[in-house]
Amino acid sequence: MPGIQKEEVSVAPQTLLTREILPIKNWHEWLARWEDAKDFQWMESLLHVGFTIPLEKRAYGEKEYDEVDRNRFYLSIADGWADARLLELPTDGDKRYLIGYNPSWNRIEKTLPEIRQQLAQKAFKMLCLNFFKVGLTAGGDHGDEFNQIWQRSIVSERLFPSIQHFFRVVNNGSSIPNLSSWRKEELHAQEEAVAFLVKLAKFMWGWREPTACHYDSDKEQAMQRFASMRARIDVAKPWMIEVLVSLKYFEVVRARILQLDQACLAKLREIALRNELRRYIHPVAKDRLVATVDEACFAGSEAAWLIKEHELMIRENNRLKAIREAEERKEAAEEEIEGLTVKE
């Protein structure tokens, strides 16, 4: 209408045009930012972008970093993600801190262990997206790309111990702390980690030292590295047995039943003998631990039955092998007799 003036609406200026904006140049600088950070939101943001940061050093005097360094860092930060009690300090107290609001504008408050847990959970999710998942999709089970990634990184002497520590088994074999939380929103992330462990188990029992050392110009150095990796893998097999049994992935062990060495069988026996006979279930006067592998089978121990399966499979394998060798010797002898027989 005539005479009515429109009210002017102020618009916030585009301030990005007036600011200097630079990316974090490399992992060396990212680590410096991480060490300086005190705000948990800033730390969470750094964890979110950490796997996208270049690793190459950009200036004289900077330390060299590689993917193993980054993966070890994330494994250390993610340790304890499933249980805030693992991230408590005696000095924390009960104070709760406001960290934001939910969509209904209710306050979100957390204790210091819960704040640490949120950061650990972020690190775990980034590991699932950028380490565990990459390990799963790297080539086929026996392809060159798969073997080289797993040999030079995942089961390397620098990274493999960190993986074993992260997936350690505690409470007398009953749980893996970093796979103990089963909240719905974390199920998918855990599935990625468990699938990674299963593929790691298959790699450990399937890996064989290359017959031709075409990876290195120095054959002797290559053979020493392969021997070191063989020793590292063999020593870790009882740990993997414990992990698979704890996860109830018995079929992964069963599929390699003939390849189990004495250390693995000893671990299965140790696990089997942790079982109990209970007077309300079994014909015993009072609750007690099983005394033998047979009693462990009676108590329903899958580890004990795996030992029995191993004994049967080894016995039948050796029997059938002996029959085949005897038949081959018989066939060779008959051919020799036929060759020596005088024909008129």
C-alpha atoms as a PDB file:
ATOM      1  CA  MET A   1       0.000   0.000   0.000  1.00  0.00           C
ATOM      2  CA  PRO A   2       1.191   3.544  -0.652  1.00  0.00           C
ATOM      3  CA  GLY A   3       2.991   5.181   2.200  1.00  0.00           C
ATOM      4  CA  ILE A   4       4.102   1.938   3.899  1.00  0.00           C
ATOM      5  CA  GLN A   5       7.866   1.448   3.963  1.00  0.00           C
ATOM      6  CA  LYS A   6       9.404  -2.035   3.896  1.00  0.00           C
ATOM      7  CA  GLU A   7      11.499  -2.957   6.911  1.00  0.00           C
ATOM      8  CA  GLU A   8      15.082  -3.655   5.922  1.00  0.00           C
ATOM      9  CA  VAL A   9      16.382  -7.125   6.875  1.00  0.00           C
ATOM     10  CA  SER A  10      20.067  -7.365   7.680  1.00  0.00           C
ATOM     11  CA  VAL A  11      21.955 -10.312   6.185  1.00  0.00           C
ATOM     12  CA  ALA A  12      25.019 -11.772   7.855  1.00  0.00           C
ATOM     13  CA  PRO A  13      28.083 -11.195   5.678  1.00  0.00           C
ATOM     14  CA  GLN A  14      30.011 -14.092   4.129  1.00  0.00           C
ATOM     15  CA  THR A  15      33.006 -13.960   6.472  1.00  0.00           C
ATOM     16  CA  LEU A  16      34.781 -16.917   4.863  1.00  0.00           C
ATOM     17  CA  LEU A  17      35.914 -14.466   2.188  1.00  0.00           C
ATOM     18  CA  THR A  18      37.760 -12.416   4.779  1.00  0.00           C
ATOM     19  CA  ARG A  19      39.561 -15.266   6.538  1.00  0.00           C
ATOM     20  CA  GLU A  20      42.687 -17.214   5.777  1.00  0.00           C
ATOM     21  CA  ILE A  21      41.703 -20.894   5.464  1.00  0.00           C
ATOM     22  CA  LEU A  22      44.347 -23.579   5.153  1.00  0.00           C
ATOM     23  CA  PRO A  23      44.182 -27.361   5.498  1.00  0.00           C
ATOM     24  CA  ILE A  24      46.187 -29.291   8.077  1.00  0.00           C
ATOM     25  CA  LYS A  25      49.279 -29.976   6.009  1.00  0.00           C
ATOM     26  CA  ASN A  26      50.303 -33.425   7.290  1.00  0.00           C
ATOM     27  CA  TRP A  27      50.197 -35.964  10.136  1.00  0.00           C
ATOM     28  CA  HIS A  28      53.059 -34.171  11.915  1.00  0.00           C
ATOM     29  CA  GLU A  29      50.935 -31.012  12.160  1.00  0.00           C
ATOM     30  CA  TRP A  30      47.794 -33.032  12.984  1.00  0.00           C
ATOM     31  CA  LEU A  31      49.553 -34.610  15.979  1.00  0.00           C
ATOM     32  CA  ALA A  32      50.630 -31.163  17.181  1.00  0.00           C
ATOM     33  CA  ARG A  33      47.010 -29.966  16.980  1.00  0.00           C
ATOM     34  CA  TRP A  34      45.904 -33.090  18.874  1.00  0.00           C
ATOM     35  CA  GLU A  35      48.433 -32.515  21.650  1.00  0.00           C
ATOM     36  CA  ASP A  36      47.350 -28.876  22.016  1.00  0.00           C
ATOM     37  CA  ALA A  37      43.612 -29.616  21.963  1.00  0.00           C
ATOM     38  CA  LYS A  38      41.692 -29.429  25.243  1.00  0.00           C
ATOM     39  CA  ASP A  39      38.112 -29.070  24.019  1.00  0.00           C
ATOM     40  CA  PHE A  40      36.536 -32.472  23.501  1.00  0.00           C
ATOM     41  CA  GLN A  41      34.558 -31.264  20.446  1.00  0.00           C
ATOM     42  CA  TRP A  42      37.801 -30.145  18.792  1.00  0.00           C
ATOM     43  CA  MET A  43      39.421 -33.502  19.603  1.00  0.00           C
ATOM     44  CA  GLU A  44      36.422 -35.349  18.153  1.00  0.00           C
ATOM     45  CA  SER A  45      36.658 -33.260  14.978  1.00  0.00           C
ATOM     46  CA  LEU A  46      40.354 -34.047  14.651  1.00  0.00           C
ATOM     47  CA  LEU A  47      39.627 -37.769  14.989  1.00  0.00           C
ATOM     48  CA  HIS A  48      36.968 -37.468  12.279  1.00  0.00           C
ATOM     49  CA  VAL A  49      39.428 -36.111   9.688  1.00  0.00           C
ATOM     50  CA  GLY A  50      42.568 -37.916  10.850  1.00  0.00           C
ATOM     51  CA  PHE A  51      42.559 -40.615   8.171  1.00  0.00           C
ATOM     52  CA  THR A  52      42.311 -37.997   5.395  1.00  0.00           C
ATOM     53  CA  ILE A  53      45.468 -36.137   6.439  1.00  0.00           C
ATOM     54  CA  PRO A  54      48.594 -36.640   4.259  1.00  0.00           C
ATOM     55  CA  LEU A  55      51.452 -38.487   5.937  1.00  0.00           C
ATOM     56  CA  GLU A  56      54.409 -37.072   4.008  1.00  0.00           C
ATOM     57  CA  LYS A  57      56.709 -34.709   5.858  1.00  0.00           C
ATOM     58  CA  ARG A  58      56.750 -31.189   4.452  1.00  0.00           C
ATOM     59  CA  ALA A  59      59.645 -29.525   6.224  1.00  0.00           C
ATOM     60  CA  TYR A  60      63.178 -30.236   7.355  1.00  0.00           C
ATOM     61  CA  GLY A  61      63.308 -31.794  10.820  1.00  0.00           C
ATOM     62  CA  GLU A  62      59.788 -33.222  10.769  1.00  0.00           C
ATOM     63  CA  LYS A  63      59.446 -36.852  11.773  1.00  0.00           C
ATOM     64  CA  GLU A  64      58.546 -39.441   9.120  1.00  0.00           C
ATOM     65  CA  TYR A  65      55.163 -41.159   9.563  1.00  0.00           C
ATOM     66  CA  ASP A  66      53.343 -43.943   7.729  1.00  0.00           C
ATOM     67  CA  GLU A  67      49.983 -45.739   7.858  1.00  0.00           C
ATOM     68  CA  VAL A  68      51.202 -48.028  10.629  1.00  0.00           C
ATOM     69  CA  ASP A  69      51.867 -44.988  12.846  1.00  0.00           C
ATOM     70  CA  ARG A  70      48.354 -43.682  12.216  1.00  0.00           C
ATOM     71  CA  ASN A  71      46.676 -47.057  12.808  1.00  0.00           C
ATOM     72  CA  ARG A  72      48.605 -47.594  16.042  1.00  0.00           C
ATOM     73  CA  PHE A  73      47.550 -44.137  17.233  1.00  0.00           C
ATOM     74  CA  TYR A  74      43.861 -44.797  16.533  1.00  0.00           C
ATOM     75  CA  LEU A  75      44.017 -48.224  18.196  1.00  0.00           C
ATOM     76  CA  SER A  76      45.457 -46.618  21.321  1.00  0.00           C
ATOM     77  CA  ILE A  77      42.758 -43.910  21.440  1.00  0.00           C
ATOM     78  CA  ALA A  78      39.927 -46.400  20.728  1.00  0.00           C
ATOM     79  CA  ASP A  79      41.048 -48.756  23.518  1.00  0.00           C
ATOM     80  CA  GLY A  80      38.199 -48.847  26.057  1.00  0.00           C
ATOM     81  CA  TRP A  81      35.503 -47.545  23.703  1.00  0.00           C
ATOM     82  CA  ALA A  82      32.947 -50.145  24.794  1.00  0.00           C
ATOM     83  CA  ASP A  83      32.965 -49.412  28.529  1.00  0.00           C
ATOM     84  CA  ALA A  84      33.423 -46.033  30.231  1.00  0.00           C
ATOM     85  CA  ARG A  85      34.671 -47.836  33.356  1.00  0.00           C
ATOM     86  CA  LEU A  86      37.844 -48.726  31.449  1.00  0.00           C
ATOM     87  CA  LEU A  87      38.557 -44.999  31.061  1.00  0.00           C
ATOM     88  CA  GLU A  88      38.118 -43.899  34.662  1.00  0.00           C
ATOM     89  CA  LEU A  89      40.725 -42.207  36.836  1.00  0.00           C
ATOM     90  CA  PRO A  90      40.560 -42.076  40.671  1.00  0.00           C
ATOM     91  CA  THR A  91      40.594 -38.279  40.499  1.00  0.00           C
ATOM     92  CA  ASP A  92      37.644 -37.904  38.087  1.00  0.00           C
ATOM     93  CA  GLY A  93      34.861 -37.420  40.626  1.00  0.00           C
ATOM     94  CA  ASP A  94      31.150 -37.348  39.763  1.00  0.00           C
ATOM     95  CA  LYS A  95      30.978 -33.933  38.103  1.00  0.00           C
ATOM     96  CA  ARG A  96      28.957 -33.816  34.882  1.00  0.00           C
ATOM     97  CA  TYR A  97      29.760 -31.431  32.025  1.00  0.00           C
ATOM     98  CA  LEU A  98      27.329 -29.894  29.547  1.00  0.00           C
ATOM     99  CA  ILE A  99      28.407 -30.966  26.060  1.00  0.00           C
ATOM    100  CA  GLY A 100      25.331 -29.877  24.074  1.00  0.00           C
ATOM    101  CA  TYR A 101      21.616 -30.419  23.535  1.00  0.00           C
ATOM    102  CA  ASN A 102      19.622 -33.167  21.853  1.00  0.00           C
ATOM    103  CA  PRO A 103      16.992 -32.446  19.103  1.00  0.00           C
ATOM    104  CA  SER A 104      14.382 -31.888  21.839  1.00  0.00           C
ATOM    105  CA  TRP A 105      16.657 -29.289  23.450  1.00  0.00           C
ATOM    106  CA  ASN A 106      17.302 -31.398  26.518  1.00  0.00           C
ATOM    107  CA  ARG A 107      20.724 -30.915  28.067  1.00  0.00           C
ATOM    108  CA  ILE A 108      23.348 -33.570  27.344  1.00  0.00           C
ATOM    109  CA  GLU A 109      25.694 -33.937  30.294  1.00  0.00           C
ATOM    110  CA  LYS A 110      28.510 -36.440  30.695  1.00  0.00           C
ATOM    111  CA  THR A 111      31.180 -37.334  33.231  1.00  0.00           C
ATOM    112  CA  LEU A 112      34.866 -37.267  32.304  1.00  0.00           C
ATOM    113  CA  PRO A 113      35.002 -41.066  31.701  1.00  0.00           C
ATOM    114  CA  GLU A 114      31.933 -40.757  29.450  1.00  0.00           C
ATOM    115  CA  ILE A 115      33.566 -37.924  27.520  1.00  0.00           C
ATOM    116  CA  ARG A 116      36.702 -40.030  27.065  1.00  0.00           C
ATOM    117  CA  GLN A 117      34.500 -42.921  25.968  1.00  0.00           C
ATOM    118  CA  GLN A 118      32.835 -40.765  23.316  1.00  0.00           C
ATOM    119  CA  LEU A 119      36.259 -39.913  21.893  1.00  0.00           C
ATOM    120  CA  ALA A 120      37.284 -43.581  22.025  1.00  0.00           C
ATOM    121  CA  GLN A 121      34.053 -44.534  20.230  1.00  0.00           C
ATOM    122  CA  LYS A 122      34.814 -41.994  17.513  1.00  0.00           C
ATOM    123  CA  ALA A 123      38.290 -43.450  17.064  1.00  0.00           C
ATOM    124  CA  PHE A 124      36.823 -46.974  16.877  1.00  0.00           C
ATOM    125  CA  LYS A 125      34.299 -45.969  14.211  1.00  0.00           C
ATOM    126  CA  MET A 126      37.048 -44.348  12.145  1.00  0.00           C
ATOM    127  CA  LEU A 127      39.130 -47.534  12.473  1.00  0.00           C
ATOM    128  CA  CYS A 128      36.180 -49.562  11.195  1.00  0.00           C
ATOM    129  CA  LEU A 129      35.777 -47.283   8.173  1.00  0.00           C
ATOM    130  CA  ASN A 130      39.460 -46.832   7.352  1.00  0.00           C
ATOM    131  CA  PHE A 131      41.413 -49.799   8.728  1.00  0.00           C
ATOM    132  CA  PHE A 132      39.284 -52.863   9.483  1.00  0.00           C
ATOM    133  CA  LYS A 133      37.146 -52.363   6.366  1.00  0.00           C
ATOM    134  CA  VAL A 134      40.146 -51.684   4.111  1.00  0.00           C
ATOM    135  CA  GLY A 135      41.754 -54.876   5.395  1.00  0.00           C
ATOM    136  CA  LEU A 136      38.599 -56.763   4.390  1.00  0.00           C
ATOM    137  CA  THR A 137      38.446 -55.349   0.867  1.00  0.00           C
ATOM    138  CA  ALA A 138      42.152 -55.454  -0.003  1.00  0.00           C
ATOM    139  CA  GLY A 139      42.283 -57.931  -2.870  1.00  0.00           C
ATOM    140  CA  GLY A 140      41.315 -61.579  -2.711  1.00  0.00           C
ATOM    141  CA  ASP A 141      42.297 -63.929   0.086  1.00  0.00           C
ATOM    142  CA  HIS A 142      45.386 -65.057  -1.813  1.00  0.00           C
ATOM    143  CA  GLY A 143      46.007 -62.152  -4.206  1.00  0.00           C
ATOM    144  CA  ASP A 144      49.311 -60.277  -4.345  1.00  0.00           C
ATOM    145  CA  GLU A 145      47.695 -57.033  -3.152  1.00  0.00           C
ATOM    146  CA  PHE A 146      46.095 -58.797  -0.205  1.00  0.00           C
ATOM    147  CA  ASN A 147      49.314 -60.574   0.783  1.00  0.00           C
ATOM    148  CA  GLN A 148      51.482 -57.478   0.518  1.00  0.00           C
ATOM    149  CA  ILE A 149      49.118 -55.275   2.575  1.00  0.00           C
ATOM    150  CA  TRP A 150      48.771 -57.900   5.292  1.00  0.00           C
ATOM    151  CA  GLN A 151      52.431 -58.907   5.334  1.00  0.00           C
ATOM    152  CA  ARG A 152      53.932 -55.426   5.306  1.00  0.00           C
ATOM    153  CA  SER A 153      51.369 -53.736   7.532  1.00  0.00           C
ATOM    154  CA  ILE A 154      48.796 -55.732   9.472  1.00  0.00           C
ATOM    155  CA  VAL A 155      51.031 -58.573  10.706  1.00  0.00           C
ATOM    156  CA  SER A 156      54.168 -56.420  10.806  1.00  0.00           C
ATOM    157  CA  GLU A 157      56.243 -56.344  13.972  1.00  0.00           C
ATOM    158  CA  ARG A 158      55.168 -52.724  14.525  1.00  0.00           C
ATOM    159  CA  LEU A 159      51.384 -53.082  14.137  1.00  0.00           C
ATOM    160  CA  PHE A 160      50.506 -56.704  14.964  1.00  0.00           C
ATOM    161  CA  PRO A 161      51.196 -56.371  18.736  1.00  0.00           C
ATOM    162  CA  SER A 162      48.835 -53.355  18.882  1.00  0.00           C
ATOM    163  CA  ILE A 163      46.087 -55.384  17.176  1.00  0.00           C
ATOM    164  CA  GLN A 164      46.597 -58.256  19.622  1.00  0.00           C
ATOM    165  CA  HIS A 165      46.447 -55.879  22.591  1.00  0.00           C
ATOM    166  CA  PHE A 166      43.315 -54.147  21.292  1.00  0.00           C
ATOM    167  CA  PHE A 167      41.522 -57.488  20.876  1.00  0.00           C
ATOM    168  CA  ARG A 168      42.886 -59.023  24.079  1.00  0.00           C
ATOM    169  CA  VAL A 169      40.768 -61.622  25.895  1.00  0.00           C
ATOM    170  CA  VAL A 170      40.138 -61.078  29.621  1.00  0.00           C
ATOM    171  CA  ASN A 171      38.058 -62.453  32.499  1.00  0.00           C
ATOM    172  CA  ASN A 172      39.370 -65.985  32.094  1.00  0.00           C
ATOM    173  CA  GLY A 173      38.543 -66.037  28.407  1.00  0.00           C
ATOM    174  CA  SER A 174      34.968 -64.805  28.749  1.00  0.00           C
ATOM    175  CA  SER A 175      35.178 -61.435  26.984  1.00  0.00           C
ATOM    176  CA  ILE A 176      37.087 -59.081  24.693  1.00  0.00           C
ATOM    177  CA  PRO A 177      36.825 -55.591  26.245  1.00  0.00           C
ATOM    178  CA  ASN A 178      36.776 -53.778  22.906  1.00  0.00           C
ATOM    179  CA  LEU A 179      33.966 -56.000  21.570  1.00  0.00           C
ATOM    180  CA  SER A 180      31.830 -56.139  24.694  1.00  0.00           C
ATOM    181  CA  SER A 181      29.235 -53.457  24.002  1.00  0.00           C
ATOM    182  CA  TRP A 182      26.166 -54.563  22.100  1.00  0.00           C
ATOM    183  CA  ARG A 183      24.170 -51.345  21.872  1.00  0.00           C
ATOM    184  CA  LYS A 184      22.192 -51.240  18.616  1.00  0.00           C
ATOM    185  CA  GLU A 185      24.031 -48.238  17.172  1.00  0.00           C
ATOM    186  CA  GLU A 186      27.390 -49.989  17.586  1.00  0.00           C
ATOM    187  CA  LEU A 187      26.479 -53.376  16.110  1.00  0.00           C
ATOM    188  CA  HIS A 188      27.555 -52.590  12.551  1.00  0.00           C
ATOM    189  CA  ALA A 189      30.923 -51.219  13.641  1.00  0.00           C
ATOM    190  CA  GLN A 190      31.562 -54.348  15.680  1.00  0.00           C
ATOM    191  CA  GLU A 191      30.583 -56.549  12.740  1.00  0.00           C
ATOM    192  CA  GLU A 192      33.344 -54.879  10.707  1.00  0.00           C
ATOM    193  CA  ALA A 193      35.877 -55.563  13.460  1.00  0.00           C
ATOM    194  CA  VAL A 194      34.798 -59.200  13.906  1.00  0.00           C
ATOM    195  CA  ALA A 195      34.916 -59.799  10.138  1.00  0.00           C
ATOM    196  CA  PHE A 196      38.445 -58.351  10.169  1.00  0.00           C
ATOM    197  CA  LEU A 197      39.467 -60.784  12.921  1.00  0.00           C
ATOM    198  CA  VAL A 198      38.025 -63.754  11.012  1.00  0.00           C
ATOM    199  CA  LYS A 199      39.951 -62.771   7.891  1.00  0.00           C
ATOM    200  CA  LEU A 200      43.072 -62.289   9.993  1.00  0.00           C
ATOM    201  CA  ALA A 201      42.666 -65.844  11.331  1.00  0.00           C
ATOM    202  CA  LYS A 202      42.338 -67.209   7.802  1.00  0.00           C
ATOM    203  CA  PHE A 203      45.436 -65.292   6.753  1.00  0.00           C
ATOM    204  CA  MET A 204      47.449 -66.576   9.731  1.00  0.00           C
ATOM    205  CA  TRP A 205      46.741 -70.237   8.971  1.00  0.00           C
ATOM    206  CA  GLY A 206      46.838 -69.802   5.200  1.00  0.00           C
ATOM    207  CA  TRP A 207      50.052 -67.819   4.791  1.00  0.00           C
ATOM    208  CA  ARG A 208      53.056 -69.619   3.370  1.00  0.00           C
ATOM    209  CA  GLU A 209      56.546 -68.271   2.855  1.00  0.00           C
ATOM    210  CA  PRO A 210      57.052 -67.379  -0.833  1.00  0.00           C
ATOM    211  CA  THR A 211      59.241 -69.858  -2.704  1.00  0.00           C
ATOM    212  CA  ALA A 212      60.676 -67.117  -4.900  1.00  0.00           C
ATOM    213  CA  CYS A 213      61.661 -63.870  -3.218  1.00  0.00           C
ATOM    214  CA  HIS A 214      60.744 -61.522  -6.048  1.00  0.00           C
ATOM    215  CA  TYR A 215      59.716 -58.802  -3.574  1.00  0.00           C
ATOM    216  CA  ASP A 216      63.314 -57.935  -2.643  1.00  0.00           C
ATOM    217  CA  SER A 217      66.574 -57.640  -4.491  1.00  0.00           C
ATOM    218  CA  ASP A 218      68.329 -59.059  -1.424  1.00  0.00           C
ATOM    219  CA  LYS A 219      67.123 -62.666  -1.196  1.00  0.00           C
ATOM    220  CA  GLU A 220      68.790 -63.333   2.176  1.00  0.00           C
ATOM    221  CA  GLN A 221      67.180 -60.245   3.735  1.00  0.00           C
ATOM    222  CA  ALA A 222      63.798 -61.293   2.359  1.00  0.00           C
ATOM    223  CA  MET A 223      64.126 -64.808   3.746  1.00  0.00           C
ATOM    224  CA  GLN A 224      64.999 -63.414   7.177  1.00  0.00           C
ATOM    225  CA  ARG A 225      61.932 -61.194   7.077  1.00  0.00           C
ATOM    226  CA  PHE A 226      59.686 -64.093   6.081  1.00  0.00           C
ATOM    227  CA  ALA A 227      61.159 -66.279   8.840  1.00  0.00           C
ATOM    228  CA  SER A 228      60.519 -63.500  11.354  1.00  0.00           C
ATOM    229  CA  MET A 229      56.925 -63.175  10.179  1.00  0.00           C
ATOM    230  CA  ARG A 230      56.394 -66.944  10.366  1.00  0.00           C
ATOM    231  CA  ALA A 231      57.606 -66.912  13.984  1.00  0.00           C
ATOM    232  CA  ARG A 232      55.384 -63.918  14.790  1.00  0.00           C
ATOM    233  CA  ILE A 233      52.308 -65.579  13.284  1.00  0.00           C
ATOM    234  CA  ASP A 234      52.930 -68.948  14.966  1.00  0.00           C
ATOM    235  CA  VAL A 235      53.396 -67.342  18.389  1.00  0.00           C
ATOM    236  CA  ALA A 236      50.105 -65.429  17.907  1.00  0.00           C
ATOM    237  CA  LYS A 237      47.985 -68.467  16.968  1.00  0.00           C
ATOM    238  CA  PRO A 238      47.011 -69.384  20.568  1.00  0.00           C
ATOM    239  CA  TRP A 239      45.826 -65.776  21.037  1.00  0.00           C
ATOM    240  CA  MET A 240      43.710 -66.087  17.900  1.00  0.00           C
ATOM    241  CA  ILE A 241      42.292 -69.413  19.133  1.00  0.00           C
ATOM    242  CA  GLU A 242      41.225 -67.641  22.347  1.00  0.00           C
ATOM    243  CA  VAL A 243      39.647 -64.811  20.333  1.00  0.00           C
ATOM    244  CA  LEU A 244      37.705 -67.140  18.021  1.00  0.00           C
ATOM    245  CA  VAL A 245      36.433 -69.271  20.905  1.00  0.00           C
ATOM    246  CA  SER A 246      35.425 -66.146  22.848  1.00  0.00           C
ATOM    247  CA  LEU A 247      33.490 -64.938  19.770  1.00  0.00           C
ATOM    248  CA  LYS A 248      32.021 -68.457  19.349  1.00  0.00           C
ATOM    249  CA  TYR A 249      33.414 -68.672  15.805  1.00  0.00           C
ATOM    250  CA  PHE A 250      34.152 -72.374  16.198  1.00  0.00           C
ATOM    251  CA  GLU A 251      33.777 -73.141  12.494  1.00  0.00           C
ATOM    252  CA  VAL A 252      36.833 -71.011  11.697  1.00  0.00           C
ATOM    253  CA  VAL A 253      38.895 -73.255  13.999  1.00  0.00           C
ATOM    254  CA  ARG A 254      37.181 -76.426  12.797  1.00  0.00           C
ATOM    255  CA  ALA A 255      38.038 -75.605   9.169  1.00  0.00           C
ATOM    256  CA  ARG A 256      41.743 -75.648  10.156  1.00  0.00           C
ATOM    257  CA  ILE A 257      41.562 -78.578  12.548  1.00  0.00           C
ATOM    258  CA  LEU A 258      44.426 -80.512  10.910  1.00  0.00           C
ATOM    259  CA  GLN A 259      46.692 -77.452  11.015  1.00  0.00           C
ATOM    260  CA  LEU A 260      46.505 -76.905  14.786  1.00  0.00           C
ATOM    261  CA  ASP A 261      49.926 -77.190  16.424  1.00  0.00           C
ATOM    262  CA  GLN A 262      50.679 -78.193  20.019  1.00  0.00           C
ATOM    263  CA  ALA A 263      50.494 -74.595  21.276  1.00  0.00           C
ATOM    264  CA  CYS A 264      46.980 -74.211  19.827  1.00  0.00           C
ATOM    265  CA  LEU A 265      45.876 -77.547  21.268  1.00  0.00           C
ATOM    266  CA  ALA A 266      47.279 -76.540  24.659  1.00  0.00           C
ATOM    267  CA  LYS A 267      45.237 -73.315  24.478  1.00  0.00           C
ATOM    268  CA  LEU A 268      42.086 -75.274  23.582  1.00  0.00           C
ATOM    269  CA  ARG A 269      42.739 -77.595  26.526  1.00  0.00           C
ATOM    270  CA  GLU A 270      43.224 -74.595  28.852  1.00  0.00           C
ATOM    271  CA  ILE A 271      39.917 -73.139  27.644  1.00  0.00           C
ATOM    272  CA  ALA A 272      38.129 -76.502  27.969  1.00  0.00           C
ATOM    273  CA  LEU A 273      39.306 -77.011  31.558  1.00  0.00           C
ATOM    274  CA  ARG A 274      37.777 -73.668  32.609  1.00  0.00           C
ATOM    275  CA  ASN A 275      34.321 -75.265  32.374  1.00  0.00           C
ATOM    276  CA  GLU A 276      32.378 -76.292  35.451  1.00  0.00           C
ATOM    277  CA  LEU A 277      30.199 -79.216  36.425  1.00  0.00           C
ATOM    278  CA  ARG A 278      27.166 -77.899  38.325  1.00  0.00           C
ATOM    279  CA  ARG A 279      25.236 -80.050  40.767  1.00  0.00           C
ATOM    280  CA  TYR A 280      21.860 -78.765  39.546  1.00  0.00           C
ATOM    281  CA  ILE A 281      22.700 -79.824  35.977  1.00  0.00           C
ATOM    282  CA  HIS A 282      25.277 -82.616  36.219  1.00  0.00           C
ATOM    283  CA  PRO A 283      25.484 -85.707  38.470  1.00  0.00           C
ATOM    284  CA  VAL A 284      28.035 -84.269  40.935  1.00  0.00           C
ATOM    285  CA  ALA A 285      27.753 -83.663  44.674  1.00  0.00           C
ATOM    286  CA  LYS A 286      28.939 -80.052  44.434  1.00  0.00           C
ATOM    287  CA  ASP A 287      29.973 -77.520  41.809  1.00  0.00           C
ATOM    288  CA  ARG A 288      33.543 -77.954  40.601  1.00  0.00           C
ATOM    289  CA  LEU A 289      35.813 -77.393  37.614  1.00  0.00           C
ATOM    290  CA  VAL A 290      36.083 -80.240  35.134  1.00  0.00           C
ATOM    291  CA  ALA A 291      39.102 -82.484  35.675  1.00  0.00           C
ATOM    292  CA  THR A 292      39.544 -83.873  32.154  1.00  0.00           C
ATOM    293  CA  VAL A 293      38.808 -83.021  28.532  1.00  0.00           C
ATOM    294  CA  ASP A 294      36.191 -85.807  28.569  1.00  0.00           C
ATOM    295  CA  GLU A 295      34.421 -84.125  31.490  1.00  0.00           C
ATOM    296  CA  ALA A 296      34.622 -80.826  29.601  1.00  0.00           C
ATOM    297  CA  CYS A 297      32.889 -82.517  26.633  1.00  0.00           C
ATOM    298  CA  PHE A 298      30.205 -83.745  29.039  1.00  0.00           C
ATOM    299  CA  ALA A 299      29.834 -80.179  30.338  1.00  0.00           C
ATOM    300  CA  GLY A 300      29.259 -78.971  26.762  1.00  0.00           C
ATOM    301  CA  SER A 301      32.608 -77.322  26.046  1.00  0.00           C
ATOM    302  CA  GLU A 302      33.021 -76.637  22.329  1.00  0.00           C
ATOM    303  CA  ALA A 303      36.781 -76.296  22.855  1.00  0.00           C
ATOM    304  CA  ALA A 304      36.888 -79.823  24.315  1.00  0.00           C
ATOM    305  CA  TRP A 305      34.959 -81.240  21.352  1.00  0.00           C
ATOM    306  CA  LEU A 306      37.410 -79.484  19.000  1.00  0.00           C
ATOM    307  CA  ILE A 307      40.247 -81.352  20.741  1.00  0.00           C
ATOM    308  CA  LYS A 308      38.388 -84.639  20.253  1.00  0.00           C
ATOM    309  CA  GLU A 309      37.724 -83.793  16.606  1.00  0.00           C
ATOM    310  CA  HIS A 310      41.419 -83.042  16.139  1.00  0.00           C
ATOM    311  CA  GLU A 311      42.380 -86.423  17.624  1.00  0.00           C
ATOM    312  CA  LEU A 312      39.923 -88.235  15.359  1.00  0.00           C
ATOM    313  CA  MET A 313      40.896 -86.275  12.245  1.00  0.00           C
ATOM    314  CA  ILE A 314      44.628 -86.793  12.828  1.00  0.00           C
ATOM    315  CA  ARG A 315      44.122 -90.502  13.508  1.00  0.00           C
ATOM    316  CA  GLU A 316      42.015 -91.050  10.385  1.00  0.00           C
ATOM    317  CA  ASN A 317      44.252 -88.820   8.267  1.00  0.00           C
ATOM    318  CA  ASN A 318      47.303 -90.841   9.284  1.00  0.00           C
ATOM    319  CA  ARG A 319      45.489 -94.169   8.797  1.00  0.00           C
ATOM    320  CA  LEU A 320      44.262 -93.300   5.315  1.00  0.00           C
ATOM    321  CA  LYS A 321      47.648 -91.848   4.394  1.00  0.00           C
ATOM    322  CA  ALA A 322      49.329 -95.096   5.513  1.00  0.00           C
ATOM    323  CA  ILE A 323      46.877 -97.131   3.419  1.00  0.00           C
ATOM    324  CA  ARG A 324      47.540 -94.978   0.371  1.00  0.00           C
ATOM    325  CA  GLU A 325      51.319 -95.226   0.815  1.00  0.00           C
ATOM    326  CA  ALA A 326      51.051 -99.017   1.264  1.00  0.00           C
ATOM    327  CA  GLU A 327      48.956 -99.280  -1.902  1.00  0.00           C
ATOM    328  CA  GLU A 328      51.518 -97.177  -3.786  1.00  0.00           C
ATOM    329  CA  ARG A 329      54.323 -99.427  -2.543  1.00  0.00           C
ATOM    330  CA  LYS A 330      52.301-102.508  -3.516  1.00  0.00           C
ATOM    331  CA  GLU A 331      51.664-101.114  -6.984  1.00  0.00           C
ATOM    332  CA  ALA A 332      55.344-100.256  -7.398  1.00  0.00           C
ATOM    333  CA  ALA A 333      56.346-103.736  -6.194  1.00  0.00           C
ATOM    334  CA  GLU A 334      53.934-105.415  -8.629  1.00  0.00           C
ATOM    335  CA  GLU A 335      55.353-103.333 -11.478  1.00  0.00           C
ATOM    336  CA  GLU A 336      58.882-104.313 -10.395  1.00  0.00           C
ATOM    337  CA  ILE A 337      57.928-108.037 -10.233  1.00  0.00           C
ATOM    338  CA  GLU A 338      56.313-107.806 -13.650  1.00  0.00           C
ATOM    339  CA  GLY A 339      59.467-106.236 -15.044  1.00  0.00           C
ATOM    340  CA  LEU A 340      61.640-108.982 -13.577  1.00  0.00           C
ATOM    341  CA  THR A 341      59.443-111.835 -14.684  1.00  0.00           C
ATOM    342  CA  VAL A 342      60.902-113.830 -17.598  1.00  0.00           C
ATOM    343  CA  LYS A 343      58.455-113.996 -20.445  1.00  0.00           C
ATOM    344  CA  GLU A 344      58.642-116.928 -22.892  1.00  0.00           C
END
